[in-house]
mmCIF file of all heavy atoms, coordinates in Angstrom:
data_MODEL
# 
_entry.id   MODEL 
# 
loop_
_atom_site.group_PDB 
_atom_site.id 
_atom_site.type_symbol 
_atom_site.label_atom_id 
_atom_site.label_alt_id 
_atom_site.label_comp_id 
_atom_site.label_asym_id 
_atom_site.label_entity_id 
_atom_site.label_seq_id 
_atom_site.pdbx_PDB_ins_code 
_atom_site.Cartn_x 
_atom_site.Cartn_y 
_atom_site.Cartn_z 
_atom_site.occupancy 
_atom_site.B_iso_or_equiv 
_atom_site.pdbx_formal_charge 
_atom_site.auth_seq_id 
_atom_site.auth_comp_id 
_atom_site.auth_asym_id 
_atom_site.auth_atom_id 
_atom_site.pdbx_PDB_model_num 
ATOM 1   N N   . TYR A 1 1  ? 90.712  5.314   256.980 1.00 0.00 ? 1  TYR A N   1 
ATOM 2   C CA  . TYR A 1 1  ? 89.508  5.011   257.728 1.00 0.00 ? 1  TYR A CA  1 
ATOM 3   C C   . TYR A 1 1  ? 89.490  3.549   258.160 1.00 0.00 ? 1  TYR A C   1 
ATOM 4   O O   . TYR A 1 1  ? 90.117  2.688   257.550 1.00 0.00 ? 1  TYR A O   1 
ATOM 5   C CB  . TYR A 1 1  ? 88.263  5.279   256.880 1.00 0.00 ? 1  TYR A CB  1 
ATOM 6   C CG  . TYR A 1 1  ? 88.223  6.654   256.275 1.00 0.00 ? 1  TYR A CG  1 
ATOM 7   C CD1 . TYR A 1 1  ? 88.671  6.873   254.976 1.00 0.00 ? 1  TYR A CD1 1 
ATOM 8   C CD2 . TYR A 1 1  ? 87.728  7.734   256.998 1.00 0.00 ? 1  TYR A CD2 1 
ATOM 9   C CE1 . TYR A 1 1  ? 88.636  8.134   254.418 1.00 0.00 ? 1  TYR A CE1 1 
ATOM 10  C CE2 . TYR A 1 1  ? 87.692  8.997   256.443 1.00 0.00 ? 1  TYR A CE2 1 
ATOM 11  C CZ  . TYR A 1 1  ? 88.144  9.195   255.154 1.00 0.00 ? 1  TYR A CZ  1 
ATOM 12  O OH  . TYR A 1 1  ? 88.107  10.453  254.608 1.00 0.00 ? 1  TYR A OH  1 
ATOM 13  N N   . LEU A 1 2  ? 88.728  3.292   259.198 1.00 0.00 ? 2  LEU A N   1 
ATOM 14  C CA  . LEU A 1 2  ? 88.470  1.925   259.626 1.00 0.00 ? 2  LEU A CA  1 
ATOM 15  C C   . LEU A 1 2  ? 86.989  1.800   259.933 1.00 0.00 ? 2  LEU A C   1 
ATOM 16  O O   . LEU A 1 2  ? 86.503  2.356   260.917 1.00 0.00 ? 2  LEU A O   1 
ATOM 17  C CB  . LEU A 1 2  ? 89.298  1.557   260.858 1.00 0.00 ? 2  LEU A CB  1 
ATOM 18  C CG  . LEU A 1 2  ? 89.183  0.097   261.299 1.00 0.00 ? 2  LEU A CG  1 
ATOM 19  C CD1 . LEU A 1 2  ? 89.853  -0.823  260.274 1.00 0.00 ? 2  LEU A CD1 1 
ATOM 20  C CD2 . LEU A 1 2  ? 89.800  -0.107  262.672 1.00 0.00 ? 2  LEU A CD2 1 
ATOM 21  N N   . GLN A 1 3  ? 86.273  1.088   259.065 1.00 0.00 ? 3  GLN A N   1 
ATOM 22  C CA  . GLN A 1 3  ? 84.861  0.816   259.283 1.00 0.00 ? 3  GLN A CA  1 
ATOM 23  C C   . GLN A 1 3  ? 84.740  -0.474  260.084 1.00 0.00 ? 3  GLN A C   1 
ATOM 24  O O   . GLN A 1 3  ? 85.260  -1.509  259.672 1.00 0.00 ? 3  GLN A O   1 
ATOM 25  C CB  . GLN A 1 3  ? 84.127  0.677   257.955 1.00 0.00 ? 3  GLN A CB  1 
ATOM 26  C CG  . GLN A 1 3  ? 82.653  0.311   258.089 1.00 0.00 ? 3  GLN A CG  1 
ATOM 27  C CD  . GLN A 1 3  ? 81.840  1.421   258.699 1.00 0.00 ? 3  GLN A CD  1 
ATOM 28  O OE1 . GLN A 1 3  ? 81.763  2.517   258.151 1.00 0.00 ? 3  GLN A OE1 1 
ATOM 29  N NE2 . GLN A 1 3  ? 81.211  1.148   259.837 1.00 0.00 ? 3  GLN A NE2 1 
ATOM 30  N N   . MET A 1 4  ? 84.056  -0.405  261.201 1.00 0.00 ? 4  MET A N   1 
ATOM 31  C CA  . MET A 1 4  ? 83.896  -1.547  262.085 1.00 0.00 ? 4  MET A CA  1 
ATOM 32  C C   . MET A 1 4  ? 82.416  -1.871  262.214 1.00 0.00 ? 4  MET A C   1 
ATOM 33  O O   . MET A 1 4  ? 81.613  -0.996  262.529 1.00 0.00 ? 4  MET A O   1 
ATOM 34  C CB  . MET A 1 4  ? 84.492  -1.257  263.462 1.00 0.00 ? 4  MET A CB  1 
ATOM 35  C CG  . MET A 1 4  ? 85.940  -0.786  263.422 1.00 0.00 ? 4  MET A CG  1 
ATOM 36  S SD  . MET A 1 4  ? 86.652  -0.547  265.070 1.00 0.00 ? 4  MET A SD  1 
ATOM 37  C CE  . MET A 1 4  ? 85.655  0.829   265.642 1.00 0.00 ? 4  MET A CE  1 
ATOM 38  N N   . ILE A 1 5  ? 82.066  -3.117  261.971 1.00 0.00 ? 5  ILE A N   1 
ATOM 39  C CA  . ILE A 1 5  ? 80.694  -3.574  262.126 1.00 0.00 ? 5  ILE A CA  1 
ATOM 40  C C   . ILE A 1 5  ? 80.665  -4.794  263.035 1.00 0.00 ? 5  ILE A C   1 
ATOM 41  O O   . ILE A 1 5  ? 81.690  -5.391  263.336 1.00 0.00 ? 5  ILE A O   1 
ATOM 42  C CB  . ILE A 1 5  ? 80.042  -3.910  260.764 1.00 0.00 ? 5  ILE A CB  1 
ATOM 43  C CG1 . ILE A 1 5  ? 80.751  -5.096  260.095 1.00 0.00 ? 5  ILE A CG1 1 
ATOM 44  C CG2 . ILE A 1 5  ? 80.033  -2.699  259.857 1.00 0.00 ? 5  ILE A CG2 1 
ATOM 45  C CD1 . ILE A 1 5  ? 80.037  -5.617  258.875 1.00 0.00 ? 5  ILE A CD1 1 
ATOM 46  N N   . SER A 1 6  ? 79.459  -5.149  263.462 1.00 0.00 ? 6  SER A N   1 
ATOM 47  C CA  . SER A 1 6  ? 79.267  -6.313  264.332 1.00 0.00 ? 6  SER A CA  1 
ATOM 48  C C   . SER A 1 6  ? 80.224  -6.280  265.517 1.00 0.00 ? 6  SER A C   1 
ATOM 49  O O   . SER A 1 6  ? 80.876  -7.270  265.851 1.00 0.00 ? 6  SER A O   1 
ATOM 50  C CB  . SER A 1 6  ? 79.446  -7.608  263.532 1.00 0.00 ? 6  SER A CB  1 
ATOM 51  O OG  . SER A 1 6  ? 78.528  -7.677  262.467 1.00 0.00 ? 6  SER A OG  1 
ATOM 52  N N   . LEU A 1 7  ? 80.276  -5.141  266.156 1.00 0.00 ? 7  LEU A N   1 
ATOM 53  C CA  . LEU A 1 7  ? 81.229  -4.952  267.239 1.00 0.00 ? 7  LEU A CA  1 
ATOM 54  C C   . LEU A 1 7  ? 80.954  -5.870  268.424 1.00 0.00 ? 7  LEU A C   1 
ATOM 55  O O   . LEU A 1 7  ? 79.803  -6.176  268.742 1.00 0.00 ? 7  LEU A O   1 
ATOM 56  C CB  . LEU A 1 7  ? 81.203  -3.496  267.697 1.00 0.00 ? 7  LEU A CB  1 
ATOM 57  C CG  . LEU A 1 7  ? 81.893  -2.519  266.741 1.00 0.00 ? 7  LEU A CG  1 
ATOM 58  C CD1 . LEU A 1 7  ? 81.501  -1.083  267.072 1.00 0.00 ? 7  LEU A CD1 1 
ATOM 59  C CD2 . LEU A 1 7  ? 83.408  -2.685  266.813 1.00 0.00 ? 7  LEU A CD2 1 
ATOM 60  N N   . LYS A 1 8  ? 82.040  -6.280  269.043 1.00 0.00 ? 8  LYS A N   1 
ATOM 61  C CA  . LYS A 1 8  ? 81.991  -7.167  270.194 1.00 0.00 ? 8  LYS A CA  1 
ATOM 62  C C   . LYS A 1 8  ? 82.645  -6.487  271.386 1.00 0.00 ? 8  LYS A C   1 
ATOM 63  O O   . LYS A 1 8  ? 83.500  -5.618  271.215 1.00 0.00 ? 8  LYS A O   1 
ATOM 64  C CB  . LYS A 1 8  ? 82.725  -8.471  269.889 1.00 0.00 ? 8  LYS A CB  1 
ATOM 65  C CG  . LYS A 1 8  ? 82.208  -9.216  268.680 1.00 0.00 ? 8  LYS A CG  1 
ATOM 66  C CD  . LYS A 1 8  ? 83.070  -10.433 268.383 1.00 0.00 ? 8  LYS A CD  1 
ATOM 67  C CE  . LYS A 1 8  ? 82.564  -11.184 267.171 1.00 0.00 ? 8  LYS A CE  1 
ATOM 68  N NZ  . LYS A 1 8  ? 83.413  -12.364 266.872 1.00 0.00 ? 8  LYS A NZ  1 
ATOM 69  N N   . PRO A 1 9  ? 82.270  -6.884  272.598 1.00 0.00 ? 9  PRO A N   1 
ATOM 70  C CA  . PRO A 1 9  ? 82.914  -6.288  273.774 1.00 0.00 ? 9  PRO A CA  1 
ATOM 71  C C   . PRO A 1 9  ? 84.433  -6.392  273.733 1.00 0.00 ? 9  PRO A C   1 
ATOM 72  O O   . PRO A 1 9  ? 85.119  -5.474  274.204 1.00 0.00 ? 9  PRO A O   1 
ATOM 73  C CB  . PRO A 1 9  ? 82.322  -7.086  274.936 1.00 0.00 ? 9  PRO A CB  1 
ATOM 74  C CG  . PRO A 1 9  ? 80.975  -7.491  274.446 1.00 0.00 ? 9  PRO A CG  1 
ATOM 75  C CD  . PRO A 1 9  ? 81.164  -7.783  272.982 1.00 0.00 ? 9  PRO A CD  1 
ATOM 76  N N   . GLU A 1 10 ? 84.969  -7.465  273.171 1.00 0.00 ? 10 GLU A N   1 
ATOM 77  C CA  . GLU A 1 10 ? 86.407  -7.630  273.099 1.00 0.00 ? 10 GLU A CA  1 
ATOM 78  C C   . GLU A 1 10 ? 87.081  -6.681  272.112 1.00 0.00 ? 10 GLU A C   1 
ATOM 79  O O   . GLU A 1 10 ? 88.310  -6.626  272.040 1.00 0.00 ? 10 GLU A O   1 
ATOM 80  C CB  . GLU A 1 10 ? 86.785  -9.085  272.771 1.00 0.00 ? 10 GLU A CB  1 
ATOM 81  C CG  . GLU A 1 10 ? 86.068  -9.649  271.562 1.00 0.00 ? 10 GLU A CG  1 
ATOM 82  C CD  . GLU A 1 10 ? 84.849  -10.480 271.939 1.00 0.00 ? 10 GLU A CD  1 
ATOM 83  O OE1 . GLU A 1 10 ? 84.053  -10.017 272.785 1.00 0.00 ? 10 GLU A OE1 1 
ATOM 84  O OE2 . GLU A 1 10 ? 84.693  -11.589 271.396 1.00 0.00 ? 10 GLU A OE2 1 
ATOM 85  N N   . ASP A 1 11 ? 86.293  -5.929  271.349 1.00 0.00 ? 11 ASP A N   1 
ATOM 86  C CA  . ASP A 1 11 ? 86.845  -4.895  270.485 1.00 0.00 ? 11 ASP A CA  1 
ATOM 87  C C   . ASP A 1 11 ? 87.150  -3.616  271.256 1.00 0.00 ? 11 ASP A C   1 
ATOM 88  O O   . ASP A 1 11 ? 87.736  -2.682  270.690 1.00 0.00 ? 11 ASP A O   1 
ATOM 89  C CB  . ASP A 1 11 ? 85.888  -4.567  269.340 1.00 0.00 ? 11 ASP A CB  1 
ATOM 90  C CG  . ASP A 1 11 ? 85.712  -5.728  268.378 1.00 0.00 ? 11 ASP A CG  1 
ATOM 91  O OD1 . ASP A 1 11 ? 86.703  -6.426  268.091 1.00 0.00 ? 11 ASP A OD1 1 
ATOM 92  O OD2 . ASP A 1 11 ? 84.573  -5.926  267.902 1.00 0.00 ? 11 ASP A OD2 1 
ATOM 93  N N   . THR A 1 12 ? 86.742  -3.557  272.499 1.00 0.00 ? 12 THR A N   1 
ATOM 94  C CA  . THR A 1 12 ? 87.013  -2.389  273.324 1.00 0.00 ? 12 THR A CA  1 
ATOM 95  C C   . THR A 1 12 ? 88.516  -2.167  273.430 1.00 0.00 ? 12 THR A C   1 
ATOM 96  O O   . THR A 1 12 ? 89.256  -3.046  273.859 1.00 0.00 ? 12 THR A O   1 
ATOM 97  C CB  . THR A 1 12 ? 86.408  -2.561  274.715 1.00 0.00 ? 12 THR A CB  1 
ATOM 98  O OG1 . THR A 1 12 ? 84.980  -2.618  274.608 1.00 0.00 ? 12 THR A OG1 1 
ATOM 99  C CG2 . THR A 1 12 ? 86.787  -1.404  275.623 1.00 0.00 ? 12 THR A CG2 1 
ATOM 100 N N   . ALA A 1 13 ? 88.963  -0.990  273.030 1.00 0.00 ? 13 ALA A N   1 
ATOM 101 C CA  . ALA A 1 13 ? 90.387  -0.683  273.012 1.00 0.00 ? 13 ALA A CA  1 
ATOM 102 C C   . ALA A 1 13 ? 90.576  0.765   272.588 1.00 0.00 ? 13 ALA A C   1 
ATOM 103 O O   . ALA A 1 13 ? 89.649  1.415   272.107 1.00 0.00 ? 13 ALA A O   1 
ATOM 104 C CB  . ALA A 1 13 ? 91.133  -1.601  272.038 1.00 0.00 ? 13 ALA A CB  1 
ATOM 105 N N   . VAL A 1 14 ? 91.794  1.240   272.751 1.00 0.00 ? 14 VAL A N   1 
ATOM 106 C CA  . VAL A 1 14 ? 92.194  2.485   272.119 1.00 0.00 ? 14 VAL A CA  1 
ATOM 107 C C   . VAL A 1 14 ? 92.731  2.133   270.741 1.00 0.00 ? 14 VAL A C   1 
ATOM 108 O O   . VAL A 1 14 ? 93.609  1.276   270.609 1.00 0.00 ? 14 VAL A O   1 
ATOM 109 C CB  . VAL A 1 14 ? 93.261  3.230   272.932 1.00 0.00 ? 14 VAL A CB  1 
ATOM 110 C CG1 . VAL A 1 14 ? 93.700  4.495   272.206 1.00 0.00 ? 14 VAL A CG1 1 
ATOM 111 C CG2 . VAL A 1 14 ? 92.725  3.575   274.317 1.00 0.00 ? 14 VAL A CG2 1 
ATOM 112 N N   . TYR A 1 15 ? 92.201  2.768   269.723 1.00 0.00 ? 15 TYR A N   1 
ATOM 113 C CA  . TYR A 1 15 ? 92.582  2.483   268.349 1.00 0.00 ? 15 TYR A CA  1 
ATOM 114 C C   . TYR A 1 15 ? 93.521  3.568   267.831 1.00 0.00 ? 15 TYR A C   1 
ATOM 115 O O   . TYR A 1 15 ? 93.236  4.759   267.956 1.00 0.00 ? 15 TYR A O   1 
ATOM 116 C CB  . TYR A 1 15 ? 91.348  2.384   267.460 1.00 0.00 ? 15 TYR A CB  1 
ATOM 117 C CG  . TYR A 1 15 ? 90.608  1.080   267.634 1.00 0.00 ? 15 TYR A CG  1 
ATOM 118 C CD1 . TYR A 1 15 ? 89.876  0.831   268.796 1.00 0.00 ? 15 TYR A CD1 1 
ATOM 119 C CD2 . TYR A 1 15 ? 90.662  0.088   266.663 1.00 0.00 ? 15 TYR A CD2 1 
ATOM 120 C CE1 . TYR A 1 15 ? 89.218  -0.375  268.979 1.00 0.00 ? 15 TYR A CE1 1 
ATOM 121 C CE2 . TYR A 1 15 ? 90.001  -1.116  266.842 1.00 0.00 ? 15 TYR A CE2 1 
ATOM 122 C CZ  . TYR A 1 15 ? 89.287  -1.346  267.995 1.00 0.00 ? 15 TYR A CZ  1 
ATOM 123 O OH  . TYR A 1 15 ? 88.629  -2.542  268.172 1.00 0.00 ? 15 TYR A OH  1 
ATOM 124 N N   . TYR A 1 16 ? 94.622  3.127   267.245 1.00 0.00 ? 16 TYR A N   1 
ATOM 125 C CA  . TYR A 1 16 ? 95.655  4.029   266.760 1.00 0.00 ? 16 TYR A CA  1 
ATOM 126 C C   . TYR A 1 16 ? 95.831  3.917   265.257 1.00 0.00 ? 16 TYR A C   1 
ATOM 127 O O   . TYR A 1 16 ? 95.816  2.816   264.700 1.00 0.00 ? 16 TYR A O   1 
ATOM 128 C CB  . TYR A 1 16 ? 97.002  3.713   267.413 1.00 0.00 ? 16 TYR A CB  1 
ATOM 129 C CG  . TYR A 1 16 ? 97.034  3.870   268.911 1.00 0.00 ? 16 TYR A CG  1 
ATOM 130 C CD1 . TYR A 1 16 ? 96.770  2.797   269.747 1.00 0.00 ? 16 TYR A CD1 1 
ATOM 131 C CD2 . TYR A 1 16 ? 97.340  5.097   269.486 1.00 0.00 ? 16 TYR A CD2 1 
ATOM 132 C CE1 . TYR A 1 16 ? 96.806  2.932   271.121 1.00 0.00 ? 16 TYR A CE1 1 
ATOM 133 C CE2 . TYR A 1 16 ? 97.384  5.245   270.856 1.00 0.00 ? 16 TYR A CE2 1 
ATOM 134 C CZ  . TYR A 1 16 ? 97.116  4.156   271.670 1.00 0.00 ? 16 TYR A CZ  1 
ATOM 135 O OH  . TYR A 1 16 ? 97.156  4.297   273.033 1.00 0.00 ? 16 TYR A OH  1 
ATOM 136 N N   . CYS A 1 17 ? 96.026  5.039   264.619 1.00 0.00 ? 17 CYS A N   1 
ATOM 137 C CA  . CYS A 1 17 ? 96.433  5.114   263.228 1.00 0.00 ? 17 CYS A CA  1 
ATOM 138 C C   . CYS A 1 17 ? 97.955  5.131   263.184 1.00 0.00 ? 17 CYS A C   1 
ATOM 139 O O   . CYS A 1 17 ? 98.594  5.804   263.999 1.00 0.00 ? 17 CYS A O   1 
ATOM 140 C CB  . CYS A 1 17 ? 95.849  6.388   262.615 1.00 0.00 ? 17 CYS A CB  1 
ATOM 141 S SG  . CYS A 1 17 ? 96.339  6.743   260.932 1.00 0.00 ? 17 CYS A SG  1 
ATOM 142 N N   . ALA A 1 18 ? 98.554  4.390   262.253 1.00 0.00 ? 18 ALA A N   1 
ATOM 143 C CA  . ALA A 1 18 ? 100.001 4.270   262.203 1.00 0.00 ? 18 ALA A CA  1 
ATOM 144 C C   . ALA A 1 18 ? 100.523 4.364   260.775 1.00 0.00 ? 18 ALA A C   1 
ATOM 145 O O   . ALA A 1 18 ? 99.897  3.866   259.839 1.00 0.00 ? 18 ALA A O   1 
ATOM 146 C CB  . ALA A 1 18 ? 100.442 2.943   262.824 1.00 0.00 ? 18 ALA A CB  1 
ATOM 147 N N   . LYS A 1 19 ? 101.664 4.978   260.610 1.00 0.00 ? 19 LYS A N   1 
ATOM 148 C CA  . LYS A 1 19 ? 102.323 5.167   259.325 1.00 0.00 ? 19 LYS A CA  1 
ATOM 149 C C   . LYS A 1 19 ? 103.296 4.036   259.059 1.00 0.00 ? 19 LYS A C   1 
ATOM 150 O O   . LYS A 1 19 ? 104.138 3.719   259.900 1.00 0.00 ? 19 LYS A O   1 
ATOM 151 C CB  . LYS A 1 19 ? 103.061 6.501   259.305 1.00 0.00 ? 19 LYS A CB  1 
ATOM 152 C CG  . LYS A 1 19 ? 103.939 6.719   258.095 1.00 0.00 ? 19 LYS A CG  1 
ATOM 153 C CD  . LYS A 1 19 ? 104.729 8.004   258.226 1.00 0.00 ? 19 LYS A CD  1 
ATOM 154 C CE  . LYS A 1 19 ? 105.760 8.143   257.121 1.00 0.00 ? 19 LYS A CE  1 
ATOM 155 N NZ  . LYS A 1 19 ? 106.850 7.131   257.259 1.00 0.00 ? 19 LYS A NZ  1 
ATOM 156 N N   . GLY A 1 20 ? 103.221 3.441   257.871 1.00 0.00 ? 20 GLY A N   1 
ATOM 157 C CA  . GLY A 1 20 ? 104.165 2.427   257.455 1.00 0.00 ? 20 GLY A CA  1 
ATOM 158 C C   . GLY A 1 20 ? 105.500 3.026   257.054 1.00 0.00 ? 20 GLY A C   1 
ATOM 159 O O   . GLY A 1 20 ? 105.638 4.232   256.866 1.00 0.00 ? 20 GLY A O   1 
ATOM 160 N N   . VAL A 1 21 ? 106.501 2.167   256.916 1.00 0.00 ? 21 VAL A N   1 
ATOM 161 C CA  . VAL A 1 21 ? 107.839 2.603   256.552 1.00 0.00 ? 21 VAL A CA  1 
ATOM 162 C C   . VAL A 1 21 ? 107.977 2.787   255.040 1.00 0.00 ? 21 VAL A C   1 
ATOM 163 O O   . VAL A 1 21 ? 108.753 3.635   254.576 1.00 0.00 ? 21 VAL A O   1 
ATOM 164 C CB  . VAL A 1 21 ? 108.882 1.604   257.081 1.00 0.00 ? 21 VAL A CB  1 
ATOM 165 C CG1 . VAL A 1 21 ? 110.285 1.988   256.633 1.00 0.00 ? 21 VAL A CG1 1 
ATOM 166 C CG2 . VAL A 1 21 ? 108.823 1.539   258.604 1.00 0.00 ? 21 VAL A CG2 1 
ATOM 167 N N   . THR A 1 22 ? 107.230 2.010   254.256 1.00 0.00 ? 22 THR A N   1 
ATOM 168 C CA  . THR A 1 22 ? 107.251 2.089   252.802 1.00 0.00 ? 22 THR A CA  1 
ATOM 169 C C   . THR A 1 22 ? 105.829 2.091   252.274 1.00 0.00 ? 22 THR A C   1 
ATOM 170 O O   . THR A 1 22 ? 104.870 2.042   253.035 1.00 0.00 ? 22 THR A O   1 
ATOM 171 C CB  . THR A 1 22 ? 108.022 0.912   252.190 1.00 0.00 ? 22 THR A CB  1 
ATOM 172 O OG1 . THR A 1 22 ? 107.306 -0.305  252.438 1.00 0.00 ? 22 THR A OG1 1 
ATOM 173 C CG2 . THR A 1 22 ? 109.421 0.801   252.780 1.00 0.00 ? 22 THR A CG2 1 
ATOM 174 N N   . GLY A 1 23 ? 105.693 2.112   250.965 1.00 0.00 ? 23 GLY A N   1 
ATOM 175 C CA  . GLY A 1 23 ? 104.379 2.075   250.358 1.00 0.00 ? 23 GLY A CA  1 
ATOM 176 C C   . GLY A 1 23 ? 103.685 0.740   250.493 1.00 0.00 ? 23 GLY A C   1 
ATOM 177 O O   . GLY A 1 23 ? 102.458 0.673   250.388 1.00 0.00 ? 23 GLY A O   1 
ATOM 178 N N   . TRP A 1 24 ? 104.454 -0.325  250.746 1.00 0.00 ? 24 TRP A N   1 
ATOM 179 C CA  . TRP A 1 24 ? 103.894 -1.662  250.861 1.00 0.00 ? 24 TRP A CA  1 
ATOM 180 C C   . TRP A 1 24 ? 104.118 -2.288  252.227 1.00 0.00 ? 24 TRP A C   1 
ATOM 181 O O   . TRP A 1 24 ? 103.514 -3.320  252.522 1.00 0.00 ? 24 TRP A O   1 
ATOM 182 C CB  . TRP A 1 24 ? 104.501 -2.581  249.792 1.00 0.00 ? 24 TRP A CB  1 
ATOM 183 C CG  . TRP A 1 24 ? 105.991 -2.686  249.909 1.00 0.00 ? 24 TRP A CG  1 
ATOM 184 C CD1 . TRP A 1 24 ? 106.702 -3.594  250.631 1.00 0.00 ? 24 TRP A CD1 1 
ATOM 185 C CD2 . TRP A 1 24 ? 106.955 -1.826  249.296 1.00 0.00 ? 24 TRP A CD2 1 
ATOM 186 N NE1 . TRP A 1 24 ? 108.049 -3.362  250.510 1.00 0.00 ? 24 TRP A NE1 1 
ATOM 187 C CE2 . TRP A 1 24 ? 108.234 -2.280  249.693 1.00 0.00 ? 24 TRP A CE2 1 
ATOM 188 C CE3 . TRP A 1 24 ? 106.867 -0.719  248.455 1.00 0.00 ? 24 TRP A CE3 1 
ATOM 189 C CZ2 . TRP A 1 24 ? 109.407 -1.655  249.274 1.00 0.00 ? 24 TRP A CZ2 1 
ATOM 190 C CZ3 . TRP A 1 24 ? 108.048 -0.101  248.034 1.00 0.00 ? 24 TRP A CZ3 1 
ATOM 191 C CH2 . TRP A 1 24 ? 109.289 -0.576  248.441 1.00 0.00 ? 24 TRP A CH2 1 
ATOM 192 N N   . GLY A 1 25 ? 104.971 -1.686  253.029 1.00 0.00 ? 25 GLY A N   1 
ATOM 193 C CA  . GLY A 1 25 ? 105.285 -2.233  254.336 1.00 0.00 ? 25 GLY A CA  1 
ATOM 194 C C   . GLY A 1 25 ? 104.279 -1.824  255.387 1.00 0.00 ? 25 GLY A C   1 
ATOM 195 O O   . GLY A 1 25 ? 104.473 -0.815  256.080 1.00 0.00 ? 25 GLY A O   1 
ATOM 196 N N   . ILE A 1 26 ? 103.217 -2.621  255.496 1.00 0.00 ? 26 ILE A N   1 
ATOM 197 C CA  . ILE A 1 26 ? 102.178 -2.286  256.464 1.00 0.00 ? 26 ILE A CA  1 
ATOM 198 C C   . ILE A 1 26 ? 102.632 -2.536  257.904 1.00 0.00 ? 26 ILE A C   1 
ATOM 199 O O   . ILE A 1 26 ? 102.042 -2.007  258.844 1.00 0.00 ? 26 ILE A O   1 
ATOM 200 C CB  . ILE A 1 26 ? 100.874 -3.052  256.175 1.00 0.00 ? 26 ILE A CB  1 
ATOM 201 C CG1 . ILE A 1 26 ? 101.104 -4.562  256.212 1.00 0.00 ? 26 ILE A CG1 1 
ATOM 202 C CG2 . ILE A 1 26 ? 100.316 -2.625  254.822 1.00 0.00 ? 26 ILE A CG2 1 
ATOM 203 C CD1 . ILE A 1 26 ? 99.843  -5.383  256.042 1.00 0.00 ? 26 ILE A CD1 1 
ATOM 204 N N   . ARG A 1 27 ? 103.622 -3.365  258.069 1.00 0.00 ? 27 ARG A N   1 
ATOM 205 C CA  . ARG A 1 27 ? 104.276 -3.586  259.352 1.00 0.00 ? 27 ARG A CA  1 
ATOM 206 C C   . ARG A 1 27 ? 105.773 -3.693  259.120 1.00 0.00 ? 27 ARG A C   1 
ATOM 207 O O   . ARG A 1 27 ? 106.188 -4.331  258.157 1.00 0.00 ? 27 ARG A O   1 
ATOM 208 C CB  . ARG A 1 27 ? 103.745 -4.851  260.025 1.00 0.00 ? 27 ARG A CB  1 
ATOM 209 C CG  . ARG A 1 27 ? 102.292 -4.756  260.489 1.00 0.00 ? 27 ARG A CG  1 
ATOM 210 C CD  . ARG A 1 27 ? 101.806 -6.052  261.083 1.00 0.00 ? 27 ARG A CD  1 
ATOM 211 N NE  . ARG A 1 27 ? 101.637 -7.068  260.052 1.00 0.00 ? 27 ARG A NE  1 
ATOM 212 C CZ  . ARG A 1 27 ? 101.262 -8.334  260.285 1.00 0.00 ? 27 ARG A CZ  1 
ATOM 213 N NH1 . ARG A 1 27 ? 101.020 -8.730  261.521 1.00 0.00 ? 27 ARG A NH1 1 
ATOM 214 N NH2 . ARG A 1 27 ? 101.135 -9.177  259.280 1.00 0.00 ? 27 ARG A NH2 1 
ATOM 215 N N   . PRO A 1 28 ? 106.590 -3.114  259.954 1.00 0.00 ? 28 PRO A N   1 
ATOM 216 C CA  . PRO A 1 28 ? 106.228 -2.275  261.101 1.00 0.00 ? 28 PRO A CA  1 
ATOM 217 C C   . PRO A 1 28 ? 105.830 -0.860  260.689 1.00 0.00 ? 28 PRO A C   1 
ATOM 218 O O   . PRO A 1 28 ? 105.793 -0.551  259.504 1.00 0.00 ? 28 PRO A O   1 
ATOM 219 C CB  . PRO A 1 28 ? 107.509 -2.266  261.928 1.00 0.00 ? 28 PRO A CB  1 
ATOM 220 C CG  . PRO A 1 28 ? 108.579 -2.298  260.890 1.00 0.00 ? 28 PRO A CG  1 
ATOM 221 C CD  . PRO A 1 28 ? 108.046 -3.221  259.808 1.00 0.00 ? 28 PRO A CD  1 
ATOM 222 N N   . TYR A 1 29 ? 105.555 -0.042  261.660 1.00 0.00 ? 29 TYR A N   1 
ATOM 223 C CA  . TYR A 1 29 ? 105.239 1.350   261.417 1.00 0.00 ? 29 TYR A CA  1 
ATOM 224 C C   . TYR A 1 29 ? 106.136 2.209   262.299 1.00 0.00 ? 29 TYR A C   1 
ATOM 225 O O   . TYR A 1 29 ? 106.630 1.756   263.330 1.00 0.00 ? 29 TYR A O   1 
ATOM 226 C CB  . TYR A 1 29 ? 103.761 1.660   261.668 1.00 0.00 ? 29 TYR A CB  1 
ATOM 227 C CG  . TYR A 1 29 ? 103.128 0.861   262.784 1.00 0.00 ? 29 TYR A CG  1 
ATOM 228 C CD1 . TYR A 1 29 ? 103.254 1.239   264.116 1.00 0.00 ? 29 TYR A CD1 1 
ATOM 229 C CD2 . TYR A 1 29 ? 102.372 -0.279  262.499 1.00 0.00 ? 29 TYR A CD2 1 
ATOM 230 C CE1 . TYR A 1 29 ? 102.668 0.510   265.134 1.00 0.00 ? 29 TYR A CE1 1 
ATOM 231 C CE2 . TYR A 1 29 ? 101.777 -1.014  263.512 1.00 0.00 ? 29 TYR A CE2 1 
ATOM 232 C CZ  . TYR A 1 29 ? 101.927 -0.612  264.829 1.00 0.00 ? 29 TYR A CZ  1 
ATOM 233 O OH  . TYR A 1 29 ? 101.332 -1.343  265.838 1.00 0.00 ? 29 TYR A OH  1 
# 
């Protein structure tokens, strides 16, 4: 999940969920 508060116009985007390569490797996916 991604909880977003205090949203700003610059937050406008397509948001993607992505799988990491390892249990700790949040980047890359």
